[in-house]
Amino acid sequence: MADILCLRTVYRLTIMNPAQQTFQRNILSPWKLQLFLLRSLPMAYLAGLRVRSLTAEQATVTIPFKYLTQNPFRSIYFACLSMAAELASGVQAMLHIQGAGRVSMLVVGLEAEFTKKATGLITFTCSDGAAIAQAIAASRATSEGRTVICTSTGRDAVGDVVAVFRVQWSFRAK
């Protein structure tokens, strides 16, 4: 019986409703993403963040090393890395909120570990879609707030881990 419940959960996550499919298509469209960032997240637009992939289970966001993202030590400024890490988890949360009624989301905590100098193109991946979907569903069922800690791991072009961010999101159905 537990196997059947597990399969239902995975099945439900991989099948997206029409609102989620539209959101996914818009976010993955380069020019629509640029318009969204310019309107909603102008600093992310200036930093050059790009959403490379978005599914119900995982999101990937890149940030380049360039003049606007650098610090005096010739690496990417930690605040720019934070933007990319937050967007990797936040875009997944936004995907799961589509078609779920009114749900507010807010970052309530952030923890970071830096392991290597961030230069070049850094790719952040967050694979916490299942936990996000579960928290949103629980909040809708109880009308109480739920929190989720999402882990976004940043890797350089070689594949070495540059930074690990743990972003704590709060969701509340209205």
C-alpha atoms as a PDB file:
ATOM      1  CA  MET A   1       0.000   0.000   0.000  1.00  0.00           C
ATOM      2  CA  ALA A   2       2.869   2.401   0.786  1.00  0.00           C
ATOM      3  CA  ASP A   3       4.281   1.802  -2.698  1.00  0.00           C
ATOM      4  CA  ILE A   4       0.968   2.800  -4.261  1.00  0.00           C
ATOM      5  CA  LEU A   5       0.837   6.022  -2.241  1.00  0.00           C
ATOM      6  CA  CYS A   6       4.408   6.816  -3.216  1.00  0.00           C
ATOM      7  CA  LEU A   7       3.629   6.245  -6.893  1.00  0.00           C
ATOM      8  CA  ARG A   8       0.554   8.473  -6.660  1.00  0.00           C
ATOM      9  CA  THR A   9       2.649  11.256  -5.184  1.00  0.00           C
ATOM     10  CA  VAL A  10       5.283  11.008  -7.924  1.00  0.00           C
ATOM     11  CA  TYR A  11       2.558  10.792 -10.568  1.00  0.00           C
ATOM     12  CA  ARG A  12       0.814  13.870  -9.199  1.00  0.00           C
ATOM     13  CA  LEU A  13       4.068  15.839  -9.216  1.00  0.00           C
ATOM     14  CA  THR A  14       4.988  15.019 -12.797  1.00  0.00           C
ATOM     15  CA  ILE A  15       1.557  15.910 -14.198  1.00  0.00           C
ATOM     16  CA  MET A  16       1.184  19.685 -14.174  1.00  0.00           C
ATOM     17  CA  ASN A  17      -2.087  21.562 -14.423  1.00  0.00           C
ATOM     18  CA  PRO A  18      -2.589  23.965 -17.361  1.00  0.00           C
ATOM     19  CA  ALA A  19      -1.645  27.017 -15.277  1.00  0.00           C
ATOM     20  CA  GLN A  20       1.642  25.364 -14.282  1.00  0.00           C
ATOM     21  CA  GLN A  21       2.368  24.383 -17.888  1.00  0.00           C
ATOM     22  CA  THR A  22       1.794  27.972 -19.029  1.00  0.00           C
ATOM     23  CA  PHE A  23       4.029  29.320 -16.252  1.00  0.00           C
ATOM     24  CA  GLN A  24       6.758  26.803 -17.130  1.00  0.00           C
ATOM     25  CA  ARG A  25       6.565  27.694 -20.822  1.00  0.00           C
ATOM     26  CA  ASN A  26       6.748  31.439 -20.041  1.00  0.00           C
ATOM     27  CA  ILE A  27       9.684  31.136 -17.636  1.00  0.00           C
ATOM     28  CA  LEU A  28      11.645  28.968 -20.073  1.00  0.00           C
ATOM     29  CA  SER A  29      11.048  31.387 -22.966  1.00  0.00           C
ATOM     30  CA  PRO A  30      14.140  33.651 -23.071  1.00  0.00           C
ATOM     31  CA  TRP A  31      12.377  36.896 -23.931  1.00  0.00           C
ATOM     32  CA  LYS A  32       9.396  36.279 -21.616  1.00  0.00           C
ATOM     33  CA  LEU A  33      11.829  35.508 -18.789  1.00  0.00           C
ATOM     34  CA  GLN A  34      13.623  38.795 -19.510  1.00  0.00           C
ATOM     35  CA  LEU A  35      10.326  40.689 -19.323  1.00  0.00           C
ATOM     36  CA  PHE A  36       9.389  38.915 -16.078  1.00  0.00           C
ATOM     37  CA  LEU A  37      12.776  39.686 -14.504  1.00  0.00           C
ATOM     38  CA  LEU A  38      12.725  43.299 -15.668  1.00  0.00           C
ATOM     39  CA  ARG A  39       9.225  43.795 -14.221  1.00  0.00           C
ATOM     40  CA  SER A  40       9.458  41.719 -11.033  1.00  0.00           C
ATOM     41  CA  LEU A  41      13.156  41.220 -10.228  1.00  0.00           C
ATOM     42  CA  PRO A  42      15.150  44.038 -11.860  1.00  0.00           C
ATOM     43  CA  MET A  43      18.391  43.238 -10.002  1.00  0.00           C
ATOM     44  CA  ALA A  44      18.221  39.641 -11.246  1.00  0.00           C
ATOM     45  CA  TYR A  45      17.757  41.035 -14.756  1.00  0.00           C
ATOM     46  CA  LEU A  46      20.841  43.251 -14.398  1.00  0.00           C
ATOM     47  CA  ALA A  47      22.880  40.383 -12.943  1.00  0.00           C
ATOM     48  CA  GLY A  48      22.041  38.191 -15.938  1.00  0.00           C
ATOM     49  CA  LEU A  49      20.227  35.350 -14.179  1.00  0.00           C
ATOM     50  CA  ARG A  50      18.721  32.727 -16.491  1.00  0.00           C
ATOM     51  CA  VAL A  51      16.345  29.859 -15.726  1.00  0.00           C
ATOM     52  CA  ARG A  52      17.802  26.946 -17.694  1.00  0.00           C
ATOM     53  CA  SER A  53      15.330  24.249 -16.676  1.00  0.00           C
ATOM     54  CA  LEU A  54      12.165  24.013 -14.646  1.00  0.00           C
ATOM     55  CA  THR A  55      10.164  20.919 -13.777  1.00  0.00           C
ATOM     56  CA  ALA A  56       7.869  20.064 -10.890  1.00  0.00           C
ATOM     57  CA  GLU A  57      10.823  18.363  -9.181  1.00  0.00           C
ATOM     58  CA  GLN A  58      13.835  20.531 -10.038  1.00  0.00           C
ATOM     59  CA  ALA A  59      14.937  23.968 -11.238  1.00  0.00           C
ATOM     60  CA  THR A  60      18.270  25.162 -12.611  1.00  0.00           C
ATOM     61  CA  VAL A  61      19.381  28.805 -12.663  1.00  0.00           C
ATOM     62  CA  THR A  62      22.664  30.255 -13.948  1.00  0.00           C
ATOM     63  CA  ILE A  63      24.540  33.422 -13.082  1.00  0.00           C
ATOM     64  CA  PRO A  64      27.554  34.669 -15.054  1.00  0.00           C
ATOM     65  CA  PHE A  65      30.702  36.285 -13.740  1.00  0.00           C
ATOM     66  CA  LYS A  66      30.664  39.773 -15.244  1.00  0.00           C
ATOM     67  CA  TYR A  67      31.296  43.380 -14.298  1.00  0.00           C
ATOM     68  CA  LEU A  68      27.962  43.850 -12.492  1.00  0.00           C
ATOM     69  CA  THR A  69      28.270  40.635 -10.447  1.00  0.00           C
ATOM     70  CA  GLN A  70      31.911  40.839  -9.403  1.00  0.00           C
ATOM     71  CA  ASN A  71      33.411  41.768  -6.057  1.00  0.00           C
ATOM     72  CA  PRO A  72      36.872  43.348  -5.486  1.00  0.00           C
ATOM     73  CA  PHE A  73      38.416  39.855  -5.263  1.00  0.00           C
ATOM     74  CA  ARG A  74      37.568  38.963  -8.891  1.00  0.00           C
ATOM     75  CA  SER A  75      34.810  36.495  -8.046  1.00  0.00           C
ATOM     76  CA  ILE A  76      31.019  36.666  -7.974  1.00  0.00           C
ATOM     77  CA  TYR A  77      29.675  38.730  -5.089  1.00  0.00           C
ATOM     78  CA  PHE A  78      27.884  36.614  -2.489  1.00  0.00           C
ATOM     79  CA  ALA A  79      24.670  38.638  -2.801  1.00  0.00           C
ATOM     80  CA  CYS A  80      24.497  37.779  -6.505  1.00  0.00           C
ATOM     81  CA  LEU A  81      25.018  34.118  -5.692  1.00  0.00           C
ATOM     82  CA  SER A  82      22.195  34.442  -3.140  1.00  0.00           C
ATOM     83  CA  MET A  83      19.888  35.823  -5.834  1.00  0.00           C
ATOM     84  CA  ALA A  84      20.531  32.833  -8.067  1.00  0.00           C
ATOM     85  CA  ALA A  85      20.094  30.346  -5.232  1.00  0.00           C
ATOM     86  CA  GLU A  86      16.843  31.978  -4.132  1.00  0.00           C
ATOM     87  CA  LEU A  87      15.511  32.068  -7.689  1.00  0.00           C
ATOM     88  CA  ALA A  88      16.254  28.354  -8.153  1.00  0.00           C
ATOM     89  CA  SER A  89      13.981  27.481  -5.247  1.00  0.00           C
ATOM     90  CA  GLY A  90      11.567  30.389  -5.694  1.00  0.00           C
ATOM     91  CA  VAL A  91      10.709  29.631  -9.303  1.00  0.00           C
ATOM     92  CA  GLN A  92       9.823  26.087  -8.248  1.00  0.00           C
ATOM     93  CA  ALA A  93       7.566  27.462  -5.521  1.00  0.00           C
ATOM     94  CA  MET A  94       5.929  29.818  -8.017  1.00  0.00           C
ATOM     95  CA  LEU A  95       5.323  26.857 -10.333  1.00  0.00           C
ATOM     96  CA  HIS A  96       3.576  24.881  -7.586  1.00  0.00           C
ATOM     97  CA  ILE A  97       1.441  27.863  -6.560  1.00  0.00           C
ATOM     98  CA  GLN A  98       0.007  28.210 -10.084  1.00  0.00           C
ATOM     99  CA  GLY A  99      -3.574  26.987 -10.055  1.00  0.00           C
ATOM    100  CA  ALA A 100      -3.504  26.384  -6.286  1.00  0.00           C
ATOM    101  CA  GLY A 101      -5.504  29.434  -5.317  1.00  0.00           C
ATOM    102  CA  ARG A 102      -4.016  32.338  -3.398  1.00  0.00           C
ATOM    103  CA  VAL A 103      -0.854  31.293  -1.597  1.00  0.00           C
ATOM    104  CA  SER A 104       1.675  33.755  -0.232  1.00  0.00           C
ATOM    105  CA  MET A 105       5.360  32.888  -0.159  1.00  0.00           C
ATOM    106  CA  LEU A 106       8.157  34.563   1.743  1.00  0.00           C
ATOM    107  CA  VAL A 107      11.812  33.892   2.495  1.00  0.00           C
ATOM    108  CA  VAL A 108      12.151  33.660   6.279  1.00  0.00           C
ATOM    109  CA  GLY A 109      15.695  32.318   6.550  1.00  0.00           C
ATOM    110  CA  LEU A 110      18.916  31.903   4.618  1.00  0.00           C
ATOM    111  CA  GLU A 111      22.065  29.936   5.369  1.00  0.00           C
ATOM    112  CA  ALA A 112      25.078  29.682   3.076  1.00  0.00           C
ATOM    113  CA  GLU A 113      28.339  27.772   2.784  1.00  0.00           C
ATOM    114  CA  PHE A 114      31.018  28.912   0.351  1.00  0.00           C
ATOM    115  CA  THR A 115      33.597  26.310  -0.640  1.00  0.00           C
ATOM    116  CA  LYS A 116      35.358  27.726  -3.691  1.00  0.00           C
ATOM    117  CA  LYS A 117      35.920  31.028  -5.475  1.00  0.00           C
ATOM    118  CA  ALA A 118      32.990  31.627  -7.839  1.00  0.00           C
ATOM    119  CA  THR A 119      34.195  32.618 -11.308  1.00  0.00           C
ATOM    120  CA  GLY A 120      32.739  31.864 -14.717  1.00  0.00           C
ATOM    121  CA  LEU A 121      29.196  30.612 -15.151  1.00  0.00           C
ATOM    122  CA  ILE A 122      27.735  29.243 -11.912  1.00  0.00           C
ATOM    123  CA  THR A 123      24.753  26.875 -12.087  1.00  0.00           C
ATOM    124  CA  PHE A 124      22.400  26.550  -9.121  1.00  0.00           C
ATOM    125  CA  THR A 125      20.170  23.495  -8.877  1.00  0.00           C
ATOM    126  CA  CYS A 126      17.336  22.982  -6.426  1.00  0.00           C
ATOM    127  CA  SER A 127      15.622  19.585  -6.302  1.00  0.00           C
ATOM    128  CA  ASP A 128      13.086  20.235  -3.556  1.00  0.00           C
ATOM    129  CA  GLY A 129       9.945  20.404  -5.692  1.00  0.00           C
ATOM    130  CA  ALA A 130       8.261  17.538  -3.828  1.00  0.00           C
ATOM    131  CA  ALA A 131       8.757  19.192  -0.431  1.00  0.00           C
ATOM    132  CA  ILE A 132       7.487  22.526  -1.758  1.00  0.00           C
ATOM    133  CA  ALA A 133       4.376  20.918  -3.260  1.00  0.00           C
ATOM    134  CA  GLN A 134       3.697  19.064  -0.013  1.00  0.00           C
ATOM    135  CA  ALA A 135       4.014  22.242   2.083  1.00  0.00           C
ATOM    136  CA  ILE A 136       1.678  24.179  -0.223  1.00  0.00           C
ATOM    137  CA  ALA A 137      -0.877  21.344  -0.152  1.00  0.00           C
ATOM    138  CA  ALA A 138      -0.686  21.157   3.649  1.00  0.00           C
ATOM    139  CA  SER A 139      -1.139  24.915   3.948  1.00  0.00           C
ATOM    140  CA  ARG A 140      -4.166  24.815   1.666  1.00  0.00           C
ATOM    141  CA  ALA A 141      -5.675  21.947   3.686  1.00  0.00           C
ATOM    142  CA  THR A 142      -5.217  23.598   7.085  1.00  0.00           C
ATOM    143  CA  SER A 143      -5.038  27.329   6.184  1.00  0.00           C
ATOM    144  CA  GLU A 144      -1.933  27.509   8.381  1.00  0.00           C
ATOM    145  CA  GLY A 145       1.547  28.544   7.355  1.00  0.00           C
ATOM    146  CA  ARG A 146       4.138  25.920   6.459  1.00  0.00           C
ATOM    147  CA  THR A 147       7.878  26.259   6.064  1.00  0.00           C
ATOM    148  CA  VAL A 148      10.280  24.369   3.844  1.00  0.00           C
ATOM    149  CA  ILE A 149      14.056  24.504   3.740  1.00  0.00           C
ATOM    150  CA  CYS A 150      15.196  24.271   0.117  1.00  0.00           C
ATOM    151  CA  THR A 151      18.799  23.489  -0.755  1.00  0.00           C
ATOM    152  CA  SER A 152      20.307  25.183  -3.806  1.00  0.00           C
ATOM    153  CA  THR A 153      23.735  23.910  -4.813  1.00  0.00           C
ATOM    154  CA  GLY A 154      25.950  26.091  -7.002  1.00  0.00           C
ATOM    155  CA  ARG A 155      28.498  24.459  -9.293  1.00  0.00           C
ATOM    156  CA  ASP A 156      31.069  25.942 -11.643  1.00  0.00           C
ATOM    157  CA  ALA A 157      31.702  24.867 -15.251  1.00  0.00           C
ATOM    158  CA  VAL A 158      33.953  22.001 -14.093  1.00  0.00           C
ATOM    159  CA  GLY A 159      31.241  20.685 -11.754  1.00  0.00           C
ATOM    160  CA  ASP A 160      32.906  21.645  -8.477  1.00  0.00           C
ATOM    161  CA  VAL A 161      30.600  22.837  -5.711  1.00  0.00           C
ATOM    162  CA  VAL A 162      31.089  26.574  -5.197  1.00  0.00           C
ATOM    163  CA  ALA A 163      28.334  27.271  -2.674  1.00  0.00           C
ATOM    164  CA  VAL A 164      25.403  25.622  -0.947  1.00  0.00           C
ATOM    165  CA  PHE A 165      22.448  27.757   0.106  1.00  0.00           C
ATOM    166  CA  ARG A 166      19.602  26.663   2.337  1.00  0.00           C
ATOM    167  CA  VAL A 167      16.643  28.976   1.779  1.00  0.00           C
ATOM    168  CA  GLN A 168      13.763  28.701   4.226  1.00  0.00           C
ATOM    169  CA  TRP A 169      10.447  29.492   2.545  1.00  0.00           C
ATOM    170  CA  SER A 170       7.154  30.103   4.315  1.00  0.00           C
ATOM    171  CA  PHE A 171       3.879  29.335   2.509  1.00  0.00           C
ATOM    172  CA  ARG A 172       0.422  30.361   3.662  1.00  0.00           C
ATOM    173  CA  ALA A 173      -2.844  29.720   1.828  1.00  0.00           C
ATOM    174  CA  LYS A 174      -5.244  32.651   1.899  1.00  0.00           C
END
